[in-house]
Amino acid sequence: MASGLSGYGDKEYWDERYVKSGVKTYEWYLQYSDFREKVLEALSLLGAKEDEGDVSDKKSNLKVLVVGCGNSALSEDLSKDGFTNLISIDYSDVVVQQMRKHYPELKFKTMDATEMKFAPKHFDVVFDKGTLDAILCGGDSARSAGRMLWNVHKVMKPGSKFFVITYGAPQSRENYLKNRRFQWDVKHCQLGTRHLYTLTKK
């Protein structure tokens, strides 16, 4: 099994880690509350003139995908915030089974983010919190990162949003995110030592 940072790109590493950690959540990066305002602003749900019921309806009608969910509480936090039409995927069946037990009311599916099986143009919102980073630690990282981003691009509706939470500064991430084959606009902001990229599909 791979060790060190290179292990982060290895499925066996994650399976073993999740077996050892058991059924509990762990946050690598930011809490949802740390970037919630940015998400709602990008989705035009912050400071909206509509009443709370209208905002709640808008949230529940959005089809949301979390890629590489791991054992993060992000999926639960999004659901509690009203994004209830939500599915979370990870290529580790170990953690997917754990998360199903921990959050039986939520949808988790075993699926590789580089080979997604969803219909094209299906989702309104996609979240990645650390998955691109993990992929870039593995073998053939540039190609794998490109496949993951292409799969996300494929399942996004026109006008949809893709939020990438990463430790990667623009000089190390924009060469992937701004590849000209992707039809999306990229905005960046720094949140402490982490970075949030908001991608809007054209």
C-alpha atoms as a PDB file:
ATOM      1  CA  MET A   1       0.000   0.000   0.000  1.00  0.00           C
ATOM      2  CA  ALA A   2       1.193   3.497  -0.769  1.00  0.00           C
ATOM      3  CA  SER A   3       2.440   5.584   2.125  1.00  0.00           C
ATOM      4  CA  GLY A   4       2.798   9.285   2.887  1.00  0.00           C
ATOM      5  CA  LEU A   5       1.039  11.829   0.684  1.00  0.00           C
ATOM      6  CA  SER A   6       1.065   9.400  -2.242  1.00  0.00           C
ATOM      7  CA  GLY A   7      -1.282   7.191  -0.210  1.00  0.00           C
ATOM      8  CA  TYR A   8      -4.004   9.797  -0.517  1.00  0.00           C
ATOM      9  CA  GLY A   9      -4.426   8.835  -4.152  1.00  0.00           C
ATOM     10  CA  ASP A  10      -4.694   5.118  -3.384  1.00  0.00           C
ATOM     11  CA  LYS A  11      -8.032   3.360  -2.772  1.00  0.00           C
ATOM     12  CA  GLU A  12      -6.487   0.701  -0.529  1.00  0.00           C
ATOM     13  CA  TYR A  13      -5.093   3.430   1.718  1.00  0.00           C
ATOM     14  CA  TRP A  14      -8.549   4.920   2.216  1.00  0.00           C
ATOM     15  CA  ASP A  15     -10.257   1.559   2.740  1.00  0.00           C
ATOM     16  CA  GLU A  16      -7.771   0.687   5.462  1.00  0.00           C
ATOM     17  CA  ARG A  17      -8.006   4.125   7.043  1.00  0.00           C
ATOM     18  CA  TYR A  18     -11.808   3.985   7.181  1.00  0.00           C
ATOM     19  CA  VAL A  19     -11.774   0.475   8.666  1.00  0.00           C
ATOM     20  CA  LYS A  20      -9.491   1.739  11.445  1.00  0.00           C
ATOM     21  CA  SER A  21     -11.451   4.940  12.061  1.00  0.00           C
ATOM     22  CA  GLY A  22     -14.840   3.237  12.286  1.00  0.00           C
ATOM     23  CA  VAL A  23     -18.202   4.904  11.810  1.00  0.00           C
ATOM     24  CA  LYS A  24     -17.455   8.512  12.692  1.00  0.00           C
ATOM     25  CA  THR A  25     -16.972  11.748  10.821  1.00  0.00           C
ATOM     26  CA  TYR A  26     -13.738  13.610  10.272  1.00  0.00           C
ATOM     27  CA  GLU A  27     -13.083  16.969   8.639  1.00  0.00           C
ATOM     28  CA  TRP A  28      -9.833  17.430   6.732  1.00  0.00           C
ATOM     29  CA  TYR A  29     -10.449  20.969   5.695  1.00  0.00           C
ATOM     30  CA  LEU A  30     -13.031  23.603   6.477  1.00  0.00           C
ATOM     31  CA  GLN A  31     -16.418  23.115   8.081  1.00  0.00           C
ATOM     32  CA  TYR A  32     -19.413  23.875   5.863  1.00  0.00           C
ATOM     33  CA  SER A  33     -20.135  26.893   8.059  1.00  0.00           C
ATOM     34  CA  ASP A  34     -16.773  28.368   6.975  1.00  0.00           C
ATOM     35  CA  PHE A  35     -17.834  28.672   3.321  1.00  0.00           C
ATOM     36  CA  ARG A  36     -21.643  28.495   3.566  1.00  0.00           C
ATOM     37  CA  GLU A  37     -22.080  32.215   2.925  1.00  0.00           C
ATOM     38  CA  LYS A  38     -20.000  32.009  -0.267  1.00  0.00           C
ATOM     39  CA  VAL A  39     -22.082  29.082  -1.496  1.00  0.00           C
ATOM     40  CA  LEU A  40     -25.413  30.782  -0.832  1.00  0.00           C
ATOM     41  CA  GLU A  41     -24.167  33.987  -2.437  1.00  0.00           C
ATOM     42  CA  ALA A  42     -23.075  32.148  -5.585  1.00  0.00           C
ATOM     43  CA  LEU A  43     -26.462  30.402  -5.758  1.00  0.00           C
ATOM     44  CA  SER A  44     -28.299  33.723  -5.291  1.00  0.00           C
ATOM     45  CA  LEU A  45     -29.765  32.447  -2.018  1.00  0.00           C
ATOM     46  CA  LEU A  46     -28.105  34.950   0.302  1.00  0.00           C
ATOM     47  CA  GLY A  47     -30.029  38.066   1.201  1.00  0.00           C
ATOM     48  CA  ALA A  48     -32.791  37.026  -1.171  1.00  0.00           C
ATOM     49  CA  LYS A  49     -35.919  39.144  -1.143  1.00  0.00           C
ATOM     50  CA  GLU A  50     -38.122  36.062  -1.150  1.00  0.00           C
ATOM     51  CA  ASP A  51     -39.455  34.741   2.138  1.00  0.00           C
ATOM     52  CA  GLU A  52     -37.823  31.807   3.885  1.00  0.00           C
ATOM     53  CA  GLY A  53     -40.308  29.395   2.347  1.00  0.00           C
ATOM     54  CA  ASP A  54     -39.312  30.382  -1.187  1.00  0.00           C
ATOM     55  CA  VAL A  55     -35.603  30.028  -0.373  1.00  0.00           C
ATOM     56  CA  SER A  56     -36.259  26.647   1.245  1.00  0.00           C
ATOM     57  CA  ASP A  57     -38.129  25.472  -1.860  1.00  0.00           C
ATOM     58  CA  LYS A  58     -35.298  26.623  -4.115  1.00  0.00           C
ATOM     59  CA  LYS A  59     -32.732  24.726  -2.027  1.00  0.00           C
ATOM     60  CA  SER A  60     -34.764  21.513  -1.954  1.00  0.00           C
ATOM     61  CA  ASN A  61     -35.310  21.632  -5.724  1.00  0.00           C
ATOM     62  CA  LEU A  62     -31.599  21.821  -6.524  1.00  0.00           C
ATOM     63  CA  LYS A  63     -29.988  18.515  -7.478  1.00  0.00           C
ATOM     64  CA  VAL A  64     -26.763  18.362  -5.462  1.00  0.00           C
ATOM     65  CA  LEU A  65     -23.766  16.028  -5.775  1.00  0.00           C
ATOM     66  CA  VAL A  66     -20.872  15.622  -3.323  1.00  0.00           C
ATOM     67  CA  VAL A  67     -17.901  13.853  -4.936  1.00  0.00           C
ATOM     68  CA  GLY A  68     -15.397  11.939  -2.811  1.00  0.00           C
ATOM     69  CA  CYS A  69     -17.519  12.464   0.294  1.00  0.00           C
ATOM     70  CA  GLY A  70     -15.347  10.301   2.573  1.00  0.00           C
ATOM     71  CA  ASN A  71     -16.450  10.505   6.214  1.00  0.00           C
ATOM     72  CA  SER A  72     -16.959  14.273   6.164  1.00  0.00           C
ATOM     73  CA  ALA A  73     -20.095  15.764   7.738  1.00  0.00           C
ATOM     74  CA  LEU A  74     -20.520  18.009   4.672  1.00  0.00           C
ATOM     75  CA  SER A  75     -23.428  15.952   3.313  1.00  0.00           C
ATOM     76  CA  GLU A  76     -25.288  16.147   6.614  1.00  0.00           C
ATOM     77  CA  ASP A  77     -24.616  19.873   6.929  1.00  0.00           C
ATOM     78  CA  LEU A  78     -25.911  20.537   3.416  1.00  0.00           C
ATOM     79  CA  SER A  79     -29.039  18.519   4.103  1.00  0.00           C
ATOM     80  CA  LYS A  80     -29.677  20.380   7.358  1.00  0.00           C
ATOM     81  CA  ASP A  81     -29.281  23.649   5.445  1.00  0.00           C
ATOM     82  CA  GLY A  82     -32.105  22.640   3.132  1.00  0.00           C
ATOM     83  CA  PHE A  83     -30.253  20.963   0.233  1.00  0.00           C
ATOM     84  CA  THR A  84     -32.224  17.762   0.619  1.00  0.00           C
ATOM     85  CA  ASN A  85     -32.101  16.554  -3.014  1.00  0.00           C
ATOM     86  CA  LEU A  86     -28.573  15.345  -2.396  1.00  0.00           C
ATOM     87  CA  ILE A  87     -26.429  12.344  -3.274  1.00  0.00           C
ATOM     88  CA  SER A  88     -22.856  11.730  -2.107  1.00  0.00           C
ATOM     89  CA  ILE A  89     -20.370   9.384  -3.761  1.00  0.00           C
ATOM     90  CA  ASP A  90     -17.029   7.835  -2.880  1.00  0.00           C
ATOM     91  CA  TYR A  91     -15.007   5.058  -4.465  1.00  0.00           C
ATOM     92  CA  SER A  92     -14.441   3.413  -1.081  1.00  0.00           C
ATOM     93  CA  ASP A  93     -17.354   1.064  -0.403  1.00  0.00           C
ATOM     94  CA  VAL A  94     -16.071   0.825   3.180  1.00  0.00           C
ATOM     95  CA  VAL A  95     -16.824   4.476   3.929  1.00  0.00           C
ATOM     96  CA  VAL A  96     -20.050   4.454   1.900  1.00  0.00           C
ATOM     97  CA  GLN A  97     -21.416   1.628   4.067  1.00  0.00           C
ATOM     98  CA  GLN A  98     -20.283   3.466   7.205  1.00  0.00           C
ATOM     99  CA  MET A  99     -21.943   6.700   6.133  1.00  0.00           C
ATOM    100  CA  ARG A 100     -25.183   4.897   5.277  1.00  0.00           C
ATOM    101  CA  LYS A 101     -25.271   3.577   8.844  1.00  0.00           C
ATOM    102  CA  HIS A 102     -24.362   6.970  10.321  1.00  0.00           C
ATOM    103  CA  TYR A 103     -26.825   8.945   8.170  1.00  0.00           C
ATOM    104  CA  PRO A 104     -29.585   6.506   7.094  1.00  0.00           C
ATOM    105  CA  GLU A 105     -31.738   9.402   5.880  1.00  0.00           C
ATOM    106  CA  LEU A 106     -29.114  10.492   3.305  1.00  0.00           C
ATOM    107  CA  LYS A 107     -28.118   8.952  -0.024  1.00  0.00           C
ATOM    108  CA  PHE A 108     -24.618   7.541  -0.440  1.00  0.00           C
ATOM    109  CA  LYS A 109     -23.378   5.578  -3.448  1.00  0.00           C
ATOM    110  CA  THR A 110     -20.163   3.749  -4.236  1.00  0.00           C
ATOM    111  CA  MET A 111     -18.815   5.404  -7.370  1.00  0.00           C
ATOM    112  CA  ASP A 112     -15.472   6.607  -8.713  1.00  0.00           C
ATOM    113  CA  ALA A 113     -15.489  10.357  -9.429  1.00  0.00           C
ATOM    114  CA  THR A 114     -13.339   9.695 -12.505  1.00  0.00           C
ATOM    115  CA  GLU A 115     -15.968   7.293 -13.942  1.00  0.00           C
ATOM    116  CA  MET A 116     -19.350   8.652 -12.911  1.00  0.00           C
ATOM    117  CA  LYS A 117     -22.497   6.872 -14.087  1.00  0.00           C
ATOM    118  CA  PHE A 118     -24.958   9.736 -13.825  1.00  0.00           C
ATOM    119  CA  ALA A 119     -26.831  11.116 -16.808  1.00  0.00           C
ATOM    120  CA  PRO A 120     -25.250  14.130 -18.526  1.00  0.00           C
ATOM    121  CA  LYS A 121     -26.414  17.592 -17.435  1.00  0.00           C
ATOM    122  CA  HIS A 122     -28.078  16.179 -14.322  1.00  0.00           C
ATOM    123  CA  PHE A 123     -26.880  18.295 -11.376  1.00  0.00           C
ATOM    124  CA  ASP A 124     -27.398  21.916 -10.374  1.00  0.00           C
ATOM    125  CA  VAL A 125     -24.645  21.992  -7.730  1.00  0.00           C
ATOM    126  CA  VAL A 126     -21.505  19.895  -7.185  1.00  0.00           C
ATOM    127  CA  PHE A 127     -19.139  19.966  -4.202  1.00  0.00           C
ATOM    128  CA  ASP A 128     -15.570  18.689  -3.935  1.00  0.00           C
ATOM    129  CA  LYS A 129     -13.855  19.078  -0.581  1.00  0.00           C
ATOM    130  CA  GLY A 130     -10.392  17.573  -0.932  1.00  0.00           C
ATOM    131  CA  THR A 131     -11.026  14.984  -3.643  1.00  0.00           C
ATOM    132  CA  LEU A 132      -9.054  16.779  -6.352  1.00  0.00           C
ATOM    133  CA  ASP A 133      -6.219  17.197  -3.848  1.00  0.00           C
ATOM    134  CA  ALA A 134      -6.211  13.470  -3.049  1.00  0.00           C
ATOM    135  CA  ILE A 135      -6.220  12.544  -6.737  1.00  0.00           C
ATOM    136  CA  LEU A 136      -3.244  14.821  -7.359  1.00  0.00           C
ATOM    137  CA  CYS A 137      -1.280  12.853  -4.748  1.00  0.00           C
ATOM    138  CA  GLY A 138      -1.673   9.581  -6.657  1.00  0.00           C
ATOM    139  CA  GLY A 139      -0.077   8.027  -9.679  1.00  0.00           C
ATOM    140  CA  ASP A 140      -0.784   9.464 -13.137  1.00  0.00           C
ATOM    141  CA  SER A 141      -2.217  12.397 -11.196  1.00  0.00           C
ATOM    142  CA  ALA A 142      -2.624  14.933 -14.007  1.00  0.00           C
ATOM    143  CA  ARG A 143      -4.562  12.522 -16.190  1.00  0.00           C
ATOM    144  CA  SER A 144      -6.715  11.317 -13.275  1.00  0.00           C
ATOM    145  CA  ALA A 145      -7.475  14.893 -12.219  1.00  0.00           C
ATOM    146  CA  GLY A 146      -8.500  15.713 -15.777  1.00  0.00           C
ATOM    147  CA  ARG A 147     -10.820  12.706 -15.904  1.00  0.00           C
ATOM    148  CA  MET A 148     -12.427  13.658 -12.610  1.00  0.00           C
ATOM    149  CA  LEU A 149     -13.001  17.251 -13.728  1.00  0.00           C
ATOM    150  CA  TRP A 150     -14.336  16.115 -17.107  1.00  0.00           C
ATOM    151  CA  ASN A 151     -16.803  13.768 -15.378  1.00  0.00           C
ATOM    152  CA  VAL A 152     -17.991  16.600 -13.145  1.00  0.00           C
ATOM    153  CA  HIS A 153     -18.305  18.916 -16.155  1.00  0.00           C
ATOM    154  CA  LYS A 154     -20.334  16.277 -17.991  1.00  0.00           C
ATOM    155  CA  VAL A 155     -22.954  15.818 -15.242  1.00  0.00           C
ATOM    156  CA  MET A 156     -23.419  19.564 -14.623  1.00  0.00           C
ATOM    157  CA  LYS A 157     -26.346  21.426 -16.118  1.00  0.00           C
ATOM    158  CA  PRO A 158     -25.640  24.659 -18.011  1.00  0.00           C
ATOM    159  CA  GLY A 159     -25.540  27.453 -15.435  1.00  0.00           C
ATOM    160  CA  SER A 160     -24.799  25.064 -12.578  1.00  0.00           C
ATOM    161  CA  LYS A 161     -22.130  25.601  -9.911  1.00  0.00           C
ATOM    162  CA  PHE A 162     -19.120  23.496  -8.918  1.00  0.00           C
ATOM    163  CA  PHE A 163     -17.496  24.353  -5.585  1.00  0.00           C
ATOM    164  CA  VAL A 164     -13.933  23.098  -5.058  1.00  0.00           C
ATOM    165  CA  ILE A 165     -12.490  23.386  -1.550  1.00  0.00           C
ATOM    166  CA  THR A 166      -8.744  22.745  -1.620  1.00  0.00           C
ATOM    167  CA  TYR A 167      -5.370  23.601  -0.108  1.00  0.00           C
ATOM    168  CA  GLY A 168      -4.149  24.382  -3.634  1.00  0.00           C
ATOM    169  CA  ALA A 169      -3.421  28.025  -4.444  1.00  0.00           C
ATOM    170  CA  PRO A 170      -4.277  29.342  -7.944  1.00  0.00           C
ATOM    171  CA  GLN A 171      -0.779  28.723  -9.283  1.00  0.00           C
ATOM    172  CA  SER A 172      -1.181  24.983  -8.618  1.00  0.00           C
ATOM    173  CA  ARG A 173      -4.892  24.502  -9.418  1.00  0.00           C
ATOM    174  CA  GLU A 174      -5.937  26.881 -12.168  1.00  0.00           C
ATOM    175  CA  ASN A 175      -3.945  25.003 -14.794  1.00  0.00           C
ATOM    176  CA  TYR A 176      -6.373  22.126 -14.195  1.00  0.00           C
ATOM    177  CA  LEU A 177      -9.545  24.113 -13.604  1.00  0.00           C
ATOM    178  CA  LYS A 178      -9.034  26.547 -16.490  1.00  0.00           C
ATOM    179  CA  ASN A 179      -8.304  23.930 -19.118  1.00  0.00           C
ATOM    180  CA  ARG A 180      -9.925  25.223 -22.287  1.00  0.00           C
ATOM    181  CA  ARG A 181     -11.923  22.038 -22.861  1.00  0.00           C
ATOM    182  CA  PHE A 182     -14.078  22.963 -19.855  1.00  0.00           C
ATOM    183  CA  GLN A 183     -16.887  25.402 -20.547  1.00  0.00           C
ATOM    184  CA  TRP A 184     -17.001  27.101 -17.156  1.00  0.00           C
ATOM    185  CA  ASP A 185     -15.968  30.347 -15.524  1.00  0.00           C
ATOM    186  CA  VAL A 186     -13.642  30.138 -12.525  1.00  0.00           C
ATOM    187  CA  LYS A 187     -13.659  32.415  -9.484  1.00  0.00           C
ATOM    188  CA  HIS A 188     -11.259  32.089  -6.550  1.00  0.00           C
ATOM    189  CA  CYS A 189     -11.232  33.254  -2.957  1.00  0.00           C
ATOM    190  CA  GLN A 190      -8.984  32.365  -0.038  1.00  0.00           C
ATOM    191  CA  LEU A 191     -10.441  31.200   3.267  1.00  0.00           C
ATOM    192  CA  GLY A 192      -7.649  31.167   5.824  1.00  0.00           C
ATOM    193  CA  THR A 193      -5.105  28.629   4.614  1.00  0.00           C
ATOM    194  CA  ARG A 194      -7.589  27.002   2.210  1.00  0.00           C
ATOM    195  CA  HIS A 195      -9.014  28.022  -1.133  1.00  0.00           C
ATOM    196  CA  LEU A 196     -12.497  28.011  -2.609  1.00  0.00           C
ATOM    197  CA  TYR A 197     -13.006  27.887  -6.357  1.00  0.00           C
ATOM    198  CA  THR A 198     -16.482  28.539  -7.720  1.00  0.00           C
ATOM    199  CA  LEU A 199     -16.975  27.244 -11.242  1.00  0.00           C
ATOM    200  CA  THR A 200     -20.058  28.187 -13.269  1.00  0.00           C
ATOM    201  CA  LYS A 201     -20.823  26.084 -16.312  1.00  0.00           C
ATOM    202  CA  LYS A 202     -21.589  28.146 -19.382  1.00  0.00           C
END
